[in-house]
N, C-alpha and C. Protein backbone atom coordinates (compact mmCIF):
# COMPACT_ATOMS: atom_id res chain seq x y z
N MET A 1 -9.77 -8.50 2.30
CA MET A 1 -8.87 -7.59 2.98
C MET A 1 -7.94 -6.96 1.94
N ALA A 2 -7.53 -5.73 2.22
CA ALA A 2 -6.64 -5.02 1.32
C ALA A 2 -5.67 -4.17 2.13
N PRO A 3 -4.37 -4.16 1.75
CA PRO A 3 -3.41 -3.32 2.47
C PRO A 3 -3.67 -1.84 2.19
N ASN A 4 -3.41 -1.00 3.20
CA ASN A 4 -3.59 0.44 3.02
C ASN A 4 -2.25 1.16 3.17
N SER A 5 -2.25 2.47 3.17
CA SER A 5 -1.01 3.26 3.22
C SER A 5 -0.31 3.19 4.58
N ASN A 6 -1.01 2.76 5.63
CA ASN A 6 -0.42 2.65 6.97
C ASN A 6 0.19 1.28 7.24
N LYS A 7 0.33 0.46 6.20
CA LYS A 7 0.85 -0.91 6.31
C LYS A 7 -0.04 -1.77 7.20
N MET A 8 -1.34 -1.46 7.18
CA MET A 8 -2.33 -2.26 7.88
C MET A 8 -3.32 -2.76 6.85
N TYR A 9 -4.24 -3.59 7.26
CA TYR A 9 -5.20 -4.16 6.33
C TYR A 9 -6.60 -3.61 6.61
N ASP A 10 -7.26 -3.23 5.54
CA ASP A 10 -8.65 -2.81 5.62
C ASP A 10 -9.54 -4.01 5.35
N CYS A 11 -10.60 -4.12 6.08
CA CYS A 11 -11.54 -5.21 5.91
C CYS A 11 -12.92 -4.60 5.76
N TYR A 12 -13.68 -5.06 4.80
CA TYR A 12 -15.01 -4.54 4.55
C TYR A 12 -16.04 -5.52 5.08
N VAL A 13 -16.97 -5.02 5.85
CA VAL A 13 -18.03 -5.85 6.43
C VAL A 13 -19.35 -5.47 5.77
N PHE A 14 -19.95 -6.43 5.11
CA PHE A 14 -21.24 -6.21 4.46
C PHE A 14 -22.36 -6.62 5.40
N ASN A 15 -23.53 -6.05 5.26
CA ASN A 15 -24.68 -6.31 6.12
C ASN A 15 -24.38 -5.93 7.57
N ALA A 16 -23.59 -4.90 7.78
CA ALA A 16 -23.19 -4.48 9.12
C ALA A 16 -24.36 -4.14 10.04
N PRO A 17 -25.46 -3.55 9.57
CA PRO A 17 -26.55 -3.24 10.51
C PRO A 17 -27.17 -4.49 11.14
N PHE A 18 -26.99 -5.63 10.52
CA PHE A 18 -27.59 -6.86 11.04
C PHE A 18 -26.66 -7.61 12.00
N LEU A 19 -25.42 -7.16 12.11
CA LEU A 19 -24.46 -7.83 12.99
C LEU A 19 -24.60 -7.31 14.41
N LYS A 20 -24.55 -8.22 15.35
CA LYS A 20 -24.59 -7.83 16.76
C LYS A 20 -23.19 -7.83 17.36
N ARG A 21 -22.33 -8.70 16.83
CA ARG A 21 -21.01 -8.84 17.42
C ARG A 21 -20.02 -9.31 16.36
N ILE A 22 -18.81 -8.79 16.41
CA ILE A 22 -17.73 -9.22 15.52
C ILE A 22 -16.57 -9.67 16.39
N THR A 23 -16.05 -10.82 16.10
CA THR A 23 -14.90 -11.34 16.82
C THR A 23 -13.70 -11.35 15.89
N VAL A 24 -12.58 -10.84 16.35
CA VAL A 24 -11.35 -10.82 15.57
C VAL A 24 -10.33 -11.69 16.27
N ILE A 25 -9.82 -12.64 15.52
CA ILE A 25 -8.77 -13.51 16.04
C ILE A 25 -7.54 -13.26 15.19
N GLY A 26 -6.44 -12.93 15.82
CA GLY A 26 -5.24 -12.64 15.06
C GLY A 26 -4.01 -12.63 15.92
N VAL A 27 -2.88 -12.64 15.25
CA VAL A 27 -1.60 -12.49 15.93
C VAL A 27 -1.08 -11.13 15.50
N PHE A 28 -0.93 -10.24 16.46
CA PHE A 28 -0.55 -8.88 16.17
C PHE A 28 0.93 -8.67 16.44
N LYS A 29 1.57 -7.91 15.58
CA LYS A 29 2.99 -7.64 15.73
C LYS A 29 3.26 -6.84 17.00
N ASP A 30 2.42 -5.86 17.26
CA ASP A 30 2.58 -5.03 18.45
C ASP A 30 1.20 -4.68 18.98
N GLU A 31 0.86 -5.19 20.14
CA GLU A 31 -0.48 -4.97 20.70
C GLU A 31 -0.72 -3.52 21.08
N ARG A 32 0.33 -2.74 21.25
CA ARG A 32 0.14 -1.33 21.60
C ARG A 32 -0.51 -0.56 20.46
N LEU A 33 -0.36 -1.05 19.22
CA LEU A 33 -1.00 -0.38 18.09
C LEU A 33 -2.52 -0.52 18.13
N LEU A 34 -3.03 -1.48 18.86
CA LEU A 34 -4.47 -1.69 18.94
C LEU A 34 -5.16 -0.62 19.77
N LYS A 35 -4.41 0.10 20.59
CA LYS A 35 -5.02 1.12 21.45
C LYS A 35 -5.59 2.29 20.64
N GLN A 36 -5.11 2.47 19.42
CA GLN A 36 -5.64 3.57 18.61
C GLN A 36 -7.03 3.28 18.08
N PHE A 37 -7.47 2.05 18.16
CA PHE A 37 -8.80 1.68 17.73
C PHE A 37 -9.71 1.59 18.95
N GLY A 38 -10.88 2.12 18.85
CA GLY A 38 -11.81 2.09 19.97
C GLY A 38 -12.54 0.75 20.03
N CYS A 39 -12.89 0.36 21.22
CA CYS A 39 -13.64 -0.87 21.41
C CYS A 39 -14.65 -0.64 22.53
N ASP A 40 -15.91 -0.88 22.22
CA ASP A 40 -16.96 -0.75 23.23
C ASP A 40 -17.31 -2.10 23.83
N CYS A 41 -16.34 -2.98 23.84
CA CYS A 41 -16.61 -4.35 24.28
C CYS A 41 -16.02 -4.59 25.67
N GLU A 42 -16.33 -5.74 26.19
CA GLU A 42 -15.81 -6.14 27.49
C GLU A 42 -14.42 -6.74 27.31
N ASP A 43 -13.62 -6.69 28.34
CA ASP A 43 -12.28 -7.29 28.29
C ASP A 43 -12.35 -8.73 28.76
N GLU A 44 -13.15 -9.53 28.08
CA GLU A 44 -13.33 -10.91 28.51
C GLU A 44 -12.15 -11.79 28.16
N ASP A 45 -11.37 -11.41 27.14
CA ASP A 45 -10.24 -12.23 26.73
C ASP A 45 -8.91 -11.70 27.24
N ALA A 46 -8.92 -10.76 28.13
CA ALA A 46 -7.67 -10.17 28.61
C ALA A 46 -6.81 -11.19 29.33
N SER A 47 -7.42 -12.12 30.04
CA SER A 47 -6.63 -13.12 30.76
C SER A 47 -5.99 -14.12 29.81
N GLN A 48 -6.58 -14.33 28.66
CA GLN A 48 -6.03 -15.29 27.71
C GLN A 48 -4.84 -14.73 26.96
N SER A 49 -4.74 -13.42 26.85
CA SER A 49 -3.64 -12.84 26.09
C SER A 49 -2.29 -13.17 26.72
N SER A 50 -2.21 -13.22 28.04
CA SER A 50 -0.94 -13.55 28.67
C SER A 50 -0.56 -15.00 28.39
N PHE A 51 -1.54 -15.91 28.36
CA PHE A 51 -1.26 -17.30 28.03
C PHE A 51 -0.77 -17.42 26.59
N ILE A 52 -1.44 -16.72 25.68
CA ILE A 52 -1.05 -16.78 24.27
C ILE A 52 0.33 -16.18 24.08
N ASN A 53 0.61 -15.07 24.74
CA ASN A 53 1.93 -14.45 24.63
C ASN A 53 3.02 -15.40 25.12
N ALA A 54 2.78 -16.05 26.23
CA ALA A 54 3.77 -16.99 26.77
C ALA A 54 3.98 -18.17 25.81
N GLU A 55 2.91 -18.66 25.24
CA GLU A 55 3.00 -19.79 24.30
C GLU A 55 3.78 -19.39 23.05
N LEU A 56 3.50 -18.21 22.53
CA LEU A 56 4.22 -17.73 21.35
C LEU A 56 5.71 -17.54 21.64
N LYS A 57 6.03 -16.98 22.79
CA LYS A 57 7.43 -16.78 23.15
C LYS A 57 8.15 -18.12 23.27
N ASP A 58 7.50 -19.11 23.88
CA ASP A 58 8.11 -20.43 24.03
C ASP A 58 8.38 -21.06 22.67
N ARG A 59 7.41 -21.00 21.77
CA ARG A 59 7.58 -21.63 20.46
C ARG A 59 8.65 -20.93 19.63
N VAL A 60 8.67 -19.61 19.66
CA VAL A 60 9.69 -18.88 18.90
C VAL A 60 11.07 -19.18 19.47
N THR A 61 11.19 -19.23 20.78
CA THR A 61 12.46 -19.54 21.42
C THR A 61 12.92 -20.94 21.05
N GLN A 62 12.03 -21.91 21.07
CA GLN A 62 12.39 -23.27 20.70
C GLN A 62 12.85 -23.36 19.25
N LYS A 63 12.15 -22.66 18.36
CA LYS A 63 12.56 -22.68 16.95
C LYS A 63 13.92 -22.02 16.75
N LYS A 64 14.17 -20.94 17.48
CA LYS A 64 15.45 -20.24 17.36
C LYS A 64 16.59 -21.12 17.87
N ILE A 65 16.38 -21.79 19.00
CA ILE A 65 17.40 -22.69 19.54
C ILE A 65 17.65 -23.83 18.58
N LYS A 66 16.60 -24.41 18.02
CA LYS A 66 16.74 -25.51 17.07
C LYS A 66 17.51 -25.05 15.83
N TYR A 67 17.22 -23.86 15.34
CA TYR A 67 17.90 -23.32 14.17
C TYR A 67 19.40 -23.17 14.43
N TYR A 68 19.77 -22.58 15.57
CA TYR A 68 21.17 -22.37 15.87
C TYR A 68 21.90 -23.68 16.17
N ARG A 69 21.23 -24.67 16.72
CA ARG A 69 21.86 -25.97 16.92
C ARG A 69 22.16 -26.64 15.59
N GLN A 70 21.23 -26.53 14.64
CA GLN A 70 21.47 -27.11 13.31
C GLN A 70 22.56 -26.34 12.57
N LEU A 71 22.65 -25.05 12.79
CA LEU A 71 23.67 -24.23 12.15
C LEU A 71 25.05 -24.61 12.66
N ALA A 72 25.18 -24.92 13.94
CA ALA A 72 26.47 -25.27 14.53
C ALA A 72 26.99 -26.60 13.98
N MET A 73 26.06 -27.51 13.62
CA MET A 73 26.48 -28.81 13.08
C MET A 73 27.01 -28.63 11.68
């Protein structure tokens, strides 16, 4: 992977004609930016995104509360 001028990362896939499917797993800063990329795939993981979002929010909130509690001491 290499950063580009749009502050995103370019990834090169070799042997692409032989691939049937590519799966991307990642944590995105803003999911709305993904709409600019086309996808001819099914929305099979759409239900999981809400679970992941809730889990991330809970963990970040817990870390923030823990940080401020330690700061107060």
